[in-house]
Amino acid sequence: MIRPRLIVITDARLAAPRPLRDVVQLALQGGARMIQLRDKRASARELCAQALALLPLVHGQGGWLIINDRTDVALAAGADGVHLGPDDLPVAAARRITPPGFIIGASTDDPQRARELAAEGASYIGCGAVFGTSSKDVGGEQIGPGRVAEVTRAVGIPVVAVGGITPENVAQLRGSGAAGIAVVSAVMSSPDPAAAVRRLLRSFAAS
C-alpha cells in the first residue's frame, strides 16, 4: 500500500514564468516523491507530451508520476497512476483496465463514498478542500480537519488532505489520521520550491 506523505500537484500558470519542468525538478530535489500532473486546458496529446517530459525526472528520484483525470493518458505515457474526480472514469472501471500496482487516487470528502471508492479499488482518497483553495473551483468549500478525520476513520486506505494547505496550517491536521498532504500553490508559486517542499514535509511530520 502506497502512503504518499506529500503530493505536489502541478499548475503551469502558477509556476510561470519558470518552465513547469524546472519547478517539478526543484520539488523533487526538496524531497517530493509523488507528482500529480494536472492541466485542465491541455489536449490529450499535449498532456501526454508533458507526462513523457516529466517521467524521467520523477523516476530518477525514485518517485511516482500520476495524471489528473485521464486514465488513457496515464496508460499511454507509462505513468504510475491516475487521480480521478467524481466526473471521471469510475474507479472500478479504471481498475479493470490498468495493470497490477497502478495507483488510483479518488476524490471525496464523504465517509460513505470513501468506503465505496476503497471497495472499488482506490489506492488512496484525496480529501478536501480542507482550508479552501484558489487553484480549483470548489465553491468556497472548507471542510476542515474534522471531516478529514471522519474520512480516515471510514476507510483502511491512506487519506491525503488537500486544499489550502501551507506549512503554517498543516499542524491543524494533527489527530486527523491523514497519511499525507497534497498541495498546489504552496510549491508551484514558491520562489524556492525545494525549500517549500522541505518545510511542508517537516511541518507535516511534526503534526
N, C-alpha and C. Protein backbone atom coordinates (compact mmCIF):
# COMPACT_ATOMS: atom_id res chain seq x y z
N MET A 1 0.84 -1.20 0.00
CA MET A 1 0.00 0.00 0.00
C MET A 1 0.88 1.25 0.00
N ILE A 2 0.66 2.09 -0.99
CA ILE A 2 1.43 3.32 -1.07
C ILE A 2 0.88 4.34 -0.08
N ARG A 3 1.77 5.05 0.61
CA ARG A 3 1.36 6.06 1.59
C ARG A 3 2.06 7.38 1.24
N PRO A 4 1.46 8.15 0.35
CA PRO A 4 2.11 9.40 -0.08
C PRO A 4 2.08 10.46 1.03
N ARG A 5 3.24 10.89 1.49
CA ARG A 5 3.31 11.93 2.51
C ARG A 5 3.05 13.30 1.92
N LEU A 6 3.47 13.49 0.67
CA LEU A 6 3.28 14.78 0.01
C LEU A 6 3.06 14.55 -1.47
N ILE A 7 1.95 15.05 -1.97
CA ILE A 7 1.69 15.04 -3.41
C ILE A 7 1.77 16.49 -3.89
N VAL A 8 2.66 16.74 -4.83
CA VAL A 8 2.77 18.07 -5.44
C VAL A 8 1.96 18.05 -6.73
N ILE A 9 0.92 18.87 -6.77
CA ILE A 9 0.04 18.96 -7.94
C ILE A 9 0.50 20.12 -8.79
N THR A 10 0.68 19.87 -10.07
CA THR A 10 1.26 20.89 -10.94
C THR A 10 0.23 21.92 -11.39
N ASP A 11 0.73 23.12 -11.67
CA ASP A 11 -0.05 24.19 -12.26
C ASP A 11 0.92 25.10 -13.00
N ALA A 12 0.94 24.98 -14.31
CA ALA A 12 1.92 25.71 -15.12
C ALA A 12 1.75 27.22 -14.98
N ARG A 13 0.52 27.68 -14.77
CA ARG A 13 0.28 29.12 -14.65
C ARG A 13 0.89 29.66 -13.36
N LEU A 14 0.78 28.90 -12.28
CA LEU A 14 1.37 29.34 -11.02
C LEU A 14 2.89 29.24 -11.06
N ALA A 15 3.41 28.29 -11.82
CA ALA A 15 4.86 28.12 -11.92
C ALA A 15 5.50 29.22 -12.77
N ALA A 16 4.76 29.78 -13.71
CA ALA A 16 5.29 30.76 -14.65
C ALA A 16 5.89 31.97 -13.92
N PRO A 17 6.90 32.59 -14.52
CA PRO A 17 7.44 32.35 -15.87
C PRO A 17 8.43 31.19 -15.95
N ARG A 18 8.63 30.49 -14.88
CA ARG A 18 9.54 29.35 -14.90
C ARG A 18 8.89 28.18 -15.63
N PRO A 19 9.66 27.40 -16.40
CA PRO A 19 9.10 26.19 -17.00
C PRO A 19 8.63 25.23 -15.92
N LEU A 20 7.51 24.58 -16.16
CA LEU A 20 6.97 23.63 -15.19
C LEU A 20 7.99 22.55 -14.85
N ARG A 21 8.72 22.09 -15.84
CA ARG A 21 9.72 21.05 -15.63
C ARG A 21 10.74 21.47 -14.57
N ASP A 22 11.16 22.75 -14.61
CA ASP A 22 12.15 23.23 -13.65
C ASP A 22 11.59 23.24 -12.23
N VAL A 23 10.34 23.66 -12.08
CA VAL A 23 9.73 23.70 -10.75
C VAL A 23 9.55 22.29 -10.20
N VAL A 24 9.13 21.36 -11.06
CA VAL A 24 9.00 19.97 -10.62
C VAL A 24 10.35 19.40 -10.21
N GLN A 25 11.38 19.70 -10.97
CA GLN A 25 12.71 19.19 -10.63
C GLN A 25 13.16 19.71 -9.27
N LEU A 26 12.91 20.98 -8.98
CA LEU A 26 13.26 21.54 -7.68
C LEU A 26 12.44 20.90 -6.55
N ALA A 27 11.16 20.65 -6.82
CA ALA A 27 10.32 19.99 -5.81
C ALA A 27 10.86 18.60 -5.49
N LEU A 28 11.27 17.88 -6.51
CA LEU A 28 11.86 16.55 -6.31
C LEU A 28 13.15 16.64 -5.52
N GLN A 29 13.96 17.65 -5.80
CA GLN A 29 15.21 17.83 -5.06
C GLN A 29 14.93 18.12 -3.59
N GLY A 30 13.79 18.74 -3.31
CA GLY A 30 13.42 19.04 -1.93
C GLY A 30 12.88 17.85 -1.17
N GLY A 31 12.57 16.77 -1.89
CA GLY A 31 12.09 15.57 -1.21
C GLY A 31 10.72 15.09 -1.63
N ALA A 32 10.06 15.79 -2.56
CA ALA A 32 8.77 15.32 -3.06
C ALA A 32 8.98 14.02 -3.84
N ARG A 33 8.07 13.07 -3.67
CA ARG A 33 8.21 11.80 -4.36
C ARG A 33 6.98 11.43 -5.17
N MET A 34 5.91 12.20 -5.04
CA MET A 34 4.75 11.97 -5.90
C MET A 34 4.33 13.28 -6.53
N ILE A 35 4.27 13.27 -7.85
CA ILE A 35 3.87 14.44 -8.62
C ILE A 35 2.58 14.11 -9.35
N GLN A 36 1.58 14.97 -9.21
CA GLN A 36 0.34 14.81 -9.96
C GLN A 36 0.31 15.86 -11.06
N LEU A 37 0.35 15.39 -12.30
CA LEU A 37 0.31 16.29 -13.45
C LEU A 37 -1.14 16.69 -13.71
N ARG A 38 -1.41 17.97 -13.54
CA ARG A 38 -2.77 18.48 -13.71
C ARG A 38 -2.75 19.66 -14.67
N ASP A 39 -3.48 19.55 -15.76
CA ASP A 39 -3.58 20.63 -16.74
C ASP A 39 -4.92 20.49 -17.45
N LYS A 40 -5.92 21.16 -16.94
CA LYS A 40 -7.27 21.05 -17.47
C LYS A 40 -7.39 21.60 -18.89
N ARG A 41 -6.47 22.48 -19.27
CA ARG A 41 -6.56 23.11 -20.59
C ARG A 41 -5.90 22.29 -21.68
N ALA A 42 -5.06 21.34 -21.32
CA ALA A 42 -4.27 20.60 -22.30
C ALA A 42 -5.11 19.54 -23.01
N SER A 43 -4.81 19.34 -24.28
CA SER A 43 -5.39 18.23 -25.01
C SER A 43 -4.74 16.93 -24.54
N ALA A 44 -5.31 15.81 -24.93
CA ALA A 44 -4.71 14.52 -24.57
C ALA A 44 -3.29 14.42 -25.10
N ARG A 45 -3.06 14.88 -26.32
CA ARG A 45 -1.72 14.84 -26.91
C ARG A 45 -0.74 15.71 -26.11
N GLU A 46 -1.19 16.91 -25.76
CA GLU A 46 -0.32 17.82 -25.01
C GLU A 46 -0.03 17.27 -23.61
N LEU A 47 -1.05 16.72 -22.97
CA LEU A 47 -0.85 16.17 -21.63
C LEU A 47 0.10 14.97 -21.66
N CYS A 48 -0.03 14.15 -22.69
CA CYS A 48 0.87 13.01 -22.82
C CYS A 48 2.31 13.48 -23.02
N ALA A 49 2.51 14.52 -23.82
CA ALA A 49 3.85 15.05 -24.03
C ALA A 49 4.43 15.60 -22.73
N GLN A 50 3.61 16.27 -21.93
CA GLN A 50 4.08 16.76 -20.64
C GLN A 50 4.48 15.60 -19.72
N ALA A 51 3.66 14.57 -19.72
CA ALA A 51 3.96 13.41 -18.87
C ALA A 51 5.27 12.76 -19.28
N LEU A 52 5.47 12.60 -20.57
CA LEU A 52 6.71 11.97 -21.06
C LEU A 52 7.94 12.81 -20.71
N ALA A 53 7.76 14.12 -20.65
CA ALA A 53 8.88 15.00 -20.29
C ALA A 53 9.20 14.92 -18.80
N LEU A 54 8.16 14.69 -17.97
CA LEU A 54 8.37 14.67 -16.52
C LEU A 54 8.78 13.30 -15.99
N LEU A 55 8.40 12.24 -16.69
CA LEU A 55 8.66 10.89 -16.17
C LEU A 55 10.13 10.63 -15.83
N PRO A 56 11.08 10.98 -16.70
CA PRO A 56 12.49 10.71 -16.35
C PRO A 56 12.93 11.44 -15.08
N LEU A 57 12.43 12.66 -14.87
CA LEU A 57 12.78 13.41 -13.67
C LEU A 57 12.25 12.71 -12.43
N VAL A 58 10.97 12.34 -12.48
CA VAL A 58 10.32 11.73 -11.32
C VAL A 58 10.91 10.37 -11.01
N HIS A 59 11.03 9.54 -12.03
CA HIS A 59 11.59 8.20 -11.81
C HIS A 59 13.05 8.26 -11.42
N GLY A 60 13.75 9.28 -11.87
CA GLY A 60 15.15 9.44 -11.50
C GLY A 60 15.35 9.67 -10.01
N GLN A 61 14.30 10.16 -9.35
CA GLN A 61 14.33 10.38 -7.90
C GLN A 61 13.60 9.28 -7.15
N GLY A 62 13.24 8.20 -7.86
CA GLY A 62 12.53 7.10 -7.22
C GLY A 62 11.09 7.44 -6.89
N GLY A 63 10.52 8.39 -7.61
CA GLY A 63 9.16 8.83 -7.31
C GLY A 63 8.13 8.27 -8.25
N TRP A 64 6.90 8.78 -8.12
CA TRP A 64 5.76 8.34 -8.91
C TRP A 64 5.13 9.54 -9.59
N LEU A 65 4.75 9.36 -10.85
CA LEU A 65 4.01 10.38 -11.58
C LEU A 65 2.59 9.88 -11.82
N ILE A 66 1.62 10.65 -11.36
CA ILE A 66 0.22 10.31 -11.62
C ILE A 66 -0.41 11.44 -12.42
N ILE A 67 -1.39 11.08 -13.23
CA ILE A 67 -2.04 12.03 -14.13
C ILE A 67 -3.43 12.36 -13.60
N ASN A 68 -3.76 13.62 -13.58
CA ASN A 68 -5.08 14.03 -13.12
C ASN A 68 -6.14 13.72 -14.19
N ASP A 69 -7.18 13.04 -13.80
CA ASP A 69 -8.39 12.80 -14.61
C ASP A 69 -8.24 11.74 -15.70
N ARG A 70 -7.11 11.71 -16.42
CA ARG A 70 -7.03 11.00 -17.69
C ARG A 70 -6.34 9.65 -17.56
N THR A 71 -7.14 8.60 -17.38
CA THR A 71 -6.58 7.24 -17.31
C THR A 71 -5.93 6.86 -18.63
N ASP A 72 -6.53 7.28 -19.74
CA ASP A 72 -5.97 6.93 -21.05
C ASP A 72 -4.58 7.53 -21.23
N VAL A 73 -4.42 8.78 -20.83
CA VAL A 73 -3.11 9.43 -20.96
C VAL A 73 -2.09 8.78 -20.02
N ALA A 74 -2.52 8.46 -18.82
CA ALA A 74 -1.61 7.81 -17.87
C ALA A 74 -1.09 6.50 -18.42
N LEU A 75 -1.96 5.71 -19.02
CA LEU A 75 -1.54 4.43 -19.60
C LEU A 75 -0.66 4.65 -20.82
N ALA A 76 -1.03 5.58 -21.68
CA ALA A 76 -0.27 5.81 -22.91
C ALA A 76 1.14 6.31 -22.61
N ALA A 77 1.27 7.13 -21.56
CA ALA A 77 2.58 7.70 -21.22
C ALA A 77 3.41 6.78 -20.36
N GLY A 78 2.82 5.72 -19.83
CA GLY A 78 3.55 4.85 -18.91
C GLY A 78 3.69 5.46 -17.54
N ALA A 79 2.74 6.32 -17.15
CA ALA A 79 2.77 6.92 -15.82
C ALA A 79 2.43 5.87 -14.76
N ASP A 80 2.63 6.24 -13.51
CA ASP A 80 2.45 5.29 -12.41
C ASP A 80 1.02 5.23 -11.90
N GLY A 81 0.18 6.18 -12.30
CA GLY A 81 -1.18 6.16 -11.81
C GLY A 81 -2.00 7.31 -12.33
N VAL A 82 -3.20 7.42 -11.76
CA VAL A 82 -4.15 8.45 -12.16
C VAL A 82 -4.89 8.91 -10.91
N HIS A 83 -5.34 10.17 -10.93
CA HIS A 83 -6.22 10.64 -9.87
C HIS A 83 -7.55 11.01 -10.49
N LEU A 84 -8.63 10.41 -9.97
CA LEU A 84 -9.95 10.53 -10.57
C LEU A 84 -10.89 11.34 -9.70
N GLY A 85 -11.61 12.25 -10.35
CA GLY A 85 -12.64 13.02 -9.68
C GLY A 85 -14.01 12.41 -9.93
N PRO A 86 -15.06 13.01 -9.38
CA PRO A 86 -16.40 12.44 -9.49
C PRO A 86 -16.94 12.37 -10.91
N ASP A 87 -16.42 13.18 -11.83
CA ASP A 87 -16.91 13.19 -13.21
C ASP A 87 -16.03 12.38 -14.15
N ASP A 88 -15.01 11.73 -13.62
CA ASP A 88 -14.07 10.96 -14.44
C ASP A 88 -14.50 9.50 -14.52
N LEU A 89 -13.69 8.71 -15.19
CA LEU A 89 -13.94 7.27 -15.28
C LEU A 89 -14.09 6.70 -13.88
N PRO A 90 -15.09 5.85 -13.64
CA PRO A 90 -15.25 5.26 -12.31
C PRO A 90 -14.01 4.46 -11.90
N VAL A 91 -13.73 4.47 -10.61
CA VAL A 91 -12.55 3.77 -10.10
C VAL A 91 -12.59 2.30 -10.48
N ALA A 92 -13.73 1.65 -10.35
CA ALA A 92 -13.82 0.22 -10.67
C ALA A 92 -13.48 -0.04 -12.14
N ALA A 93 -13.95 0.84 -13.03
CA ALA A 93 -13.64 0.68 -14.45
C ALA A 93 -12.16 0.90 -14.72
N ALA A 94 -11.58 1.91 -14.07
CA ALA A 94 -10.15 2.17 -14.23
C ALA A 94 -9.32 1.00 -13.71
N ARG A 95 -9.75 0.42 -12.61
CA ARG A 95 -9.00 -0.71 -12.05
C ARG A 95 -9.02 -1.91 -12.99
N ARG A 96 -10.12 -2.10 -13.72
CA ARG A 96 -10.22 -3.25 -14.63
C ARG A 96 -9.26 -3.14 -15.81
N ILE A 97 -8.92 -1.92 -16.23
CA ILE A 97 -8.12 -1.77 -17.44
C ILE A 97 -6.67 -1.37 -17.16
N THR A 98 -6.30 -1.29 -15.90
CA THR A 98 -4.93 -0.88 -15.56
C THR A 98 -4.16 -2.06 -14.97
N PRO A 99 -2.83 -2.02 -15.06
CA PRO A 99 -2.03 -3.15 -14.61
C PRO A 99 -1.93 -3.22 -13.09
N PRO A 100 -1.52 -4.38 -12.57
CA PRO A 100 -1.32 -4.51 -11.12
C PRO A 100 -0.32 -3.46 -10.63
N GLY A 101 -0.61 -2.91 -9.47
CA GLY A 101 0.27 -1.90 -8.89
C GLY A 101 0.01 -0.49 -9.36
N PHE A 102 -0.89 -0.33 -10.32
CA PHE A 102 -1.22 1.00 -10.83
C PHE A 102 -1.92 1.79 -9.72
N ILE A 103 -1.47 3.02 -9.50
CA ILE A 103 -2.02 3.86 -8.43
C ILE A 103 -3.29 4.55 -8.92
N ILE A 104 -4.36 4.44 -8.15
CA ILE A 104 -5.60 5.14 -8.49
C ILE A 104 -6.05 5.93 -7.27
N GLY A 105 -5.92 7.25 -7.35
CA GLY A 105 -6.43 8.12 -6.31
C GLY A 105 -7.84 8.56 -6.66
N ALA A 106 -8.63 8.87 -5.65
CA ALA A 106 -10.01 9.29 -5.89
C ALA A 106 -10.38 10.37 -4.89
N SER A 107 -11.19 11.32 -5.33
CA SER A 107 -11.54 12.47 -4.50
C SER A 107 -12.91 12.33 -3.87
N THR A 108 -12.99 12.55 -2.58
CA THR A 108 -14.27 12.68 -1.88
C THR A 108 -14.02 13.21 -0.48
N ASP A 109 -15.04 13.88 0.07
CA ASP A 109 -14.96 14.26 1.49
C ASP A 109 -16.11 13.61 2.27
N ASP A 110 -16.74 12.62 1.64
CA ASP A 110 -17.86 11.92 2.27
C ASP A 110 -17.42 10.54 2.74
N PRO A 111 -17.55 10.23 4.02
CA PRO A 111 -17.08 8.94 4.53
C PRO A 111 -17.69 7.73 3.82
N GLN A 112 -19.00 7.77 3.56
CA GLN A 112 -19.64 6.64 2.88
C GLN A 112 -19.11 6.47 1.47
N ARG A 113 -18.97 7.58 0.76
CA ARG A 113 -18.43 7.50 -0.60
C ARG A 113 -16.99 7.02 -0.57
N ALA A 114 -16.23 7.41 0.43
CA ALA A 114 -14.86 6.95 0.56
C ALA A 114 -14.81 5.43 0.71
N ARG A 115 -15.73 4.88 1.51
CA ARG A 115 -15.79 3.42 1.66
C ARG A 115 -16.09 2.74 0.32
N GLU A 116 -16.99 3.34 -0.45
CA GLU A 116 -17.33 2.78 -1.76
C GLU A 116 -16.13 2.82 -2.70
N LEU A 117 -15.42 3.94 -2.71
CA LEU A 117 -14.24 4.07 -3.58
C LEU A 117 -13.15 3.08 -3.18
N ALA A 118 -12.97 2.88 -1.90
CA ALA A 118 -11.99 1.91 -1.44
C ALA A 118 -12.37 0.51 -1.91
N ALA A 119 -13.65 0.19 -1.83
CA ALA A 119 -14.12 -1.13 -2.27
C ALA A 119 -13.95 -1.30 -3.77
N GLU A 120 -14.04 -0.22 -4.52
CA GLU A 120 -13.87 -0.28 -5.97
C GLU A 120 -12.40 -0.45 -6.38
N GLY A 121 -11.49 -0.19 -5.44
CA GLY A 121 -10.08 -0.38 -5.76
C GLY A 121 -9.22 0.86 -5.70
N ALA A 122 -9.72 1.93 -5.10
CA ALA A 122 -8.89 3.14 -4.96
C ALA A 122 -7.68 2.85 -4.09
N SER A 123 -6.55 3.45 -4.46
CA SER A 123 -5.31 3.29 -3.70
C SER A 123 -5.26 4.26 -2.53
N TYR A 124 -5.84 5.44 -2.72
CA TYR A 124 -5.88 6.44 -1.66
C TYR A 124 -7.04 7.38 -1.94
N ILE A 125 -7.44 8.12 -0.93
CA ILE A 125 -8.50 9.11 -1.05
C ILE A 125 -7.90 10.50 -0.91
N GLY A 126 -8.22 11.39 -1.84
CA GLY A 126 -7.89 12.80 -1.71
C GLY A 126 -9.08 13.51 -1.10
N CYS A 127 -8.88 14.13 0.05
CA CYS A 127 -10.00 14.68 0.83
C CYS A 127 -9.83 16.19 1.02
N GLY A 128 -10.78 16.96 0.51
CA GLY A 128 -10.69 18.40 0.65
C GLY A 128 -11.88 19.08 -0.01
N ALA A 129 -11.88 20.40 -0.06
CA ALA A 129 -10.78 21.29 0.28
C ALA A 129 -10.78 21.59 1.78
N VAL A 130 -9.67 21.26 2.43
CA VAL A 130 -9.60 21.36 3.88
C VAL A 130 -9.69 22.81 4.34
N PHE A 131 -8.84 23.66 3.80
CA PHE A 131 -8.82 25.07 4.20
C PHE A 131 -9.26 26.00 3.08
N GLY A 132 -9.93 25.48 2.07
CA GLY A 132 -10.29 26.28 0.91
C GLY A 132 -9.14 26.31 -0.07
N THR A 133 -9.40 26.75 -1.29
CA THR A 133 -8.36 26.80 -2.30
C THR A 133 -8.74 27.78 -3.40
N SER A 134 -7.72 28.42 -3.97
CA SER A 134 -7.94 29.30 -5.11
C SER A 134 -7.49 28.65 -6.41
N SER A 135 -6.91 27.43 -6.31
CA SER A 135 -6.39 26.77 -7.51
C SER A 135 -7.41 25.85 -8.14
N LYS A 136 -8.59 25.71 -7.53
CA LYS A 136 -9.63 24.84 -8.05
C LYS A 136 -10.98 25.40 -7.63
N ASP A 137 -11.94 25.33 -8.51
CA ASP A 137 -13.28 25.84 -8.21
C ASP A 137 -14.05 24.83 -7.37
N VAL A 138 -14.12 25.07 -6.08
CA VAL A 138 -14.88 24.19 -5.18
C VAL A 138 -15.96 24.96 -4.44
N GLY A 139 -16.32 26.12 -5.01
CA GLY A 139 -17.43 26.88 -4.45
C GLY A 139 -17.18 27.39 -3.04
N GLY A 140 -15.93 27.72 -2.72
CA GLY A 140 -15.61 28.23 -1.40
C GLY A 140 -15.63 27.19 -0.30
N GLU A 141 -15.64 25.91 -0.68
CA GLU A 141 -15.70 24.83 0.30
C GLU A 141 -14.49 24.82 1.23
N GLN A 142 -14.74 24.65 2.51
CA GLN A 142 -13.69 24.46 3.52
C GLN A 142 -14.21 23.40 4.50
N ILE A 143 -13.77 22.16 4.32
CA ILE A 143 -14.35 21.09 5.13
C ILE A 143 -13.74 20.99 6.51
N GLY A 144 -12.51 21.51 6.67
CA GLY A 144 -11.85 21.47 7.97
C GLY A 144 -11.25 20.12 8.31
N PRO A 145 -10.31 20.08 9.24
CA PRO A 145 -9.64 18.84 9.63
C PRO A 145 -10.58 17.79 10.20
N GLY A 146 -11.69 18.23 10.81
CA GLY A 146 -12.62 17.27 11.40
C GLY A 146 -13.20 16.32 10.37
N ARG A 147 -13.53 16.84 9.19
CA ARG A 147 -14.07 15.99 8.14
C ARG A 147 -13.01 15.02 7.63
N VAL A 148 -11.77 15.47 7.56
CA VAL A 148 -10.68 14.56 7.17
C VAL A 148 -10.63 13.39 8.14
N ALA A 149 -10.76 13.67 9.42
CA ALA A 149 -10.74 12.61 10.42
C ALA A 149 -11.88 11.63 10.23
N GLU A 150 -13.06 12.13 9.87
CA GLU A 150 -14.21 11.25 9.62
C GLU A 150 -13.92 10.30 8.46
N VAL A 151 -13.30 10.83 7.41
CA VAL A 151 -13.00 10.00 6.24
C VAL A 151 -11.92 8.98 6.57
N THR A 152 -10.90 9.39 7.30
CA THR A 152 -9.83 8.44 7.63
C THR A 152 -10.35 7.29 8.50
N ARG A 153 -11.31 7.59 9.37
CA ARG A 153 -11.87 6.53 10.21
C ARG A 153 -12.75 5.56 9.41
N ALA A 154 -13.21 6.02 8.25
CA ALA A 154 -14.15 5.21 7.46
C ALA A 154 -13.46 4.19 6.56
N VAL A 155 -12.18 4.39 6.28
CA VAL A 155 -11.51 3.53 5.29
C VAL A 155 -10.20 2.97 5.83
N GLY A 156 -9.73 1.94 5.17
CA GLY A 156 -8.46 1.33 5.54
C GLY A 156 -7.34 1.67 4.58
N ILE A 157 -7.60 2.60 3.65
CA ILE A 157 -6.57 3.05 2.72
C ILE A 157 -6.14 4.46 3.11
N PRO A 158 -4.97 4.91 2.65
CA PRO A 158 -4.49 6.24 3.03
C PRO A 158 -5.43 7.36 2.58
N VAL A 159 -5.52 8.38 3.41
CA VAL A 159 -6.28 9.58 3.08
C VAL A 159 -5.30 10.75 3.02
N VAL A 160 -5.36 11.49 1.93
CA VAL A 160 -4.47 12.63 1.71
C VAL A 160 -5.30 13.90 1.79
N ALA A 161 -4.94 14.79 2.70
CA ALA A 161 -5.65 16.06 2.86
C ALA A 161 -5.18 17.04 1.80
N VAL A 162 -6.13 17.77 1.21
CA VAL A 162 -5.80 18.70 0.12
C VAL A 162 -6.66 19.95 0.24
N GLY A 163 -6.10 21.07 -0.19
CA GLY A 163 -6.88 22.31 -0.24
C GLY A 163 -6.39 23.37 0.72
N GLY A 164 -5.64 24.33 0.20
CA GLY A 164 -5.20 25.46 1.02
C GLY A 164 -4.19 25.13 2.08
N ILE A 165 -3.49 24.02 1.93
CA ILE A 165 -2.54 23.58 2.97
C ILE A 165 -1.21 24.32 2.81
N THR A 166 -0.70 24.83 3.93
CA THR A 166 0.57 25.54 3.98
C THR A 166 1.37 25.03 5.19
N PRO A 167 2.66 25.34 5.25
CA PRO A 167 3.42 24.96 6.45
C PRO A 167 2.84 25.55 7.72
N GLU A 168 2.15 26.70 7.59
CA GLU A 168 1.62 27.37 8.77
C GLU A 168 0.36 26.70 9.33
N ASN A 169 -0.45 26.08 8.47
CA ASN A 169 -1.69 25.49 8.97
C ASN A 169 -1.70 23.96 9.02
N VAL A 170 -0.64 23.32 8.52
CA VAL A 170 -0.64 21.86 8.46
C VAL A 170 -0.74 21.23 9.84
N ALA A 171 -0.27 21.94 10.88
CA ALA A 171 -0.35 21.39 12.24
C ALA A 171 -1.79 21.17 12.68
N GLN A 172 -2.73 21.86 12.05
CA GLN A 172 -4.13 21.68 12.40
C GLN A 172 -4.66 20.30 12.02
N LEU A 173 -3.89 19.58 11.20
CA LEU A 173 -4.29 18.23 10.81
C LEU A 173 -3.88 17.19 11.85
N ARG A 174 -3.21 17.63 12.90
CA ARG A 174 -2.80 16.70 13.95
C ARG A 174 -4.02 15.96 14.50
N GLY A 175 -3.92 14.66 14.55
CA GLY A 175 -5.01 13.84 15.06
C GLY A 175 -6.05 13.46 14.03
N SER A 176 -5.91 13.96 12.80
CA SER A 176 -6.90 13.66 11.76
C SER A 176 -6.71 12.27 11.16
N GLY A 177 -5.51 11.72 11.32
CA GLY A 177 -5.22 10.42 10.73
C GLY A 177 -4.77 10.49 9.29
N ALA A 178 -4.66 11.70 8.73
CA ALA A 178 -4.23 11.82 7.33
C ALA A 178 -2.85 11.21 7.13
N ALA A 179 -2.72 10.43 6.06
CA ALA A 179 -1.43 9.81 5.74
C ALA A 179 -0.50 10.78 5.05
N GLY A 180 -1.07 11.84 4.46
CA GLY A 180 -0.26 12.79 3.74
C GLY A 180 -1.05 14.03 3.37
N ILE A 181 -0.38 14.91 2.65
CA ILE A 181 -0.99 16.15 2.21
C ILE A 181 -0.72 16.34 0.72
N ALA A 182 -1.57 17.10 0.06
CA ALA A 182 -1.38 17.45 -1.34
C ALA A 182 -1.47 18.96 -1.47
N VAL A 183 -0.57 19.54 -2.25
CA VAL A 183 -0.52 21.00 -2.38
C VAL A 183 -0.34 21.40 -3.83
N VAL A 184 -0.80 22.60 -4.14
CA VAL A 184 -0.57 23.18 -5.46
C VAL A 184 0.26 24.45 -5.29
N SER A 185 -0.39 25.52 -4.86
CA SER A 185 0.26 26.83 -4.83
C SER A 185 1.40 26.90 -3.83
N ALA A 186 1.35 26.14 -2.75
CA ALA A 186 2.42 26.20 -1.75
C ALA A 186 3.77 25.85 -2.33
N VAL A 187 3.77 25.07 -3.42
CA VAL A 187 5.02 24.73 -4.10
C VAL A 187 5.12 25.43 -5.44
N MET A 188 4.06 25.38 -6.23
CA MET A 188 4.12 25.95 -7.58
C MET A 188 4.39 27.45 -7.57
N SER A 189 3.86 28.17 -6.58
CA SER A 189 4.04 29.62 -6.51
C SER A 189 5.28 30.03 -5.71
N SER A 190 5.91 29.08 -5.07
CA SER A 190 7.03 29.43 -4.20
C SER A 190 8.25 29.87 -5.00
N PRO A 191 8.95 30.90 -4.54
CA PRO A 191 10.21 31.28 -5.21
C PRO A 191 11.30 30.24 -5.02
N ASP A 192 11.14 29.36 -4.02
CA ASP A 192 12.11 28.29 -3.76
C ASP A 192 11.34 26.99 -3.53
N PRO A 193 10.94 26.30 -4.61
CA PRO A 193 10.12 25.09 -4.46
C PRO A 193 10.77 24.01 -3.61
N ALA A 194 12.08 23.85 -3.71
CA ALA A 194 12.75 22.82 -2.92
C ALA A 194 12.63 23.11 -1.43
N ALA A 195 12.84 24.36 -1.05
CA ALA A 195 12.71 24.74 0.35
C ALA A 195 11.27 24.61 0.82
N ALA A 196 10.32 24.94 -0.05
CA ALA A 196 8.90 24.82 0.31
C ALA A 196 8.53 23.37 0.59
N VAL A 197 9.04 22.47 -0.23
CA VAL A 197 8.78 21.04 -0.02
C VAL A 197 9.38 20.57 1.30
N ARG A 198 10.62 20.96 1.55
CA ARG A 198 11.27 20.54 2.81
C ARG A 198 10.49 21.05 4.01
N ARG A 199 10.01 22.27 3.93
CA ARG A 199 9.27 22.84 5.07
C ARG A 199 7.94 22.13 5.25
N LEU A 200 7.24 21.85 4.16
CA LEU A 200 5.97 21.13 4.25
C LEU A 200 6.16 19.74 4.85
N LEU A 201 7.20 19.03 4.41
CA LEU A 201 7.46 17.69 4.95
C LEU A 201 7.80 17.75 6.44
N ARG A 202 8.60 18.73 6.84
CA ARG A 202 8.93 18.87 8.26
C ARG A 202 7.69 19.19 9.08
N SER A 203 6.88 20.13 8.56
CA SER A 203 5.69 20.53 9.31
C SER A 203 4.70 19.40 9.42
N PHE A 204 4.53 18.62 8.36
CA PHE A 204 3.60 17.51 8.43
C PHE A 204 4.11 16.41 9.37
N ALA A 205 5.40 16.15 9.31
CA ALA A 205 5.97 15.15 10.22
C ALA A 205 5.78 15.56 11.67
N ALA A 206 5.91 16.85 11.93
CA ALA A 206 5.76 17.34 13.31
C ALA A 206 4.32 17.28 13.77
N SER A 207 3.37 17.27 12.81
CA SER A 207 1.96 17.26 13.19
C SER A 207 1.48 15.86 13.50
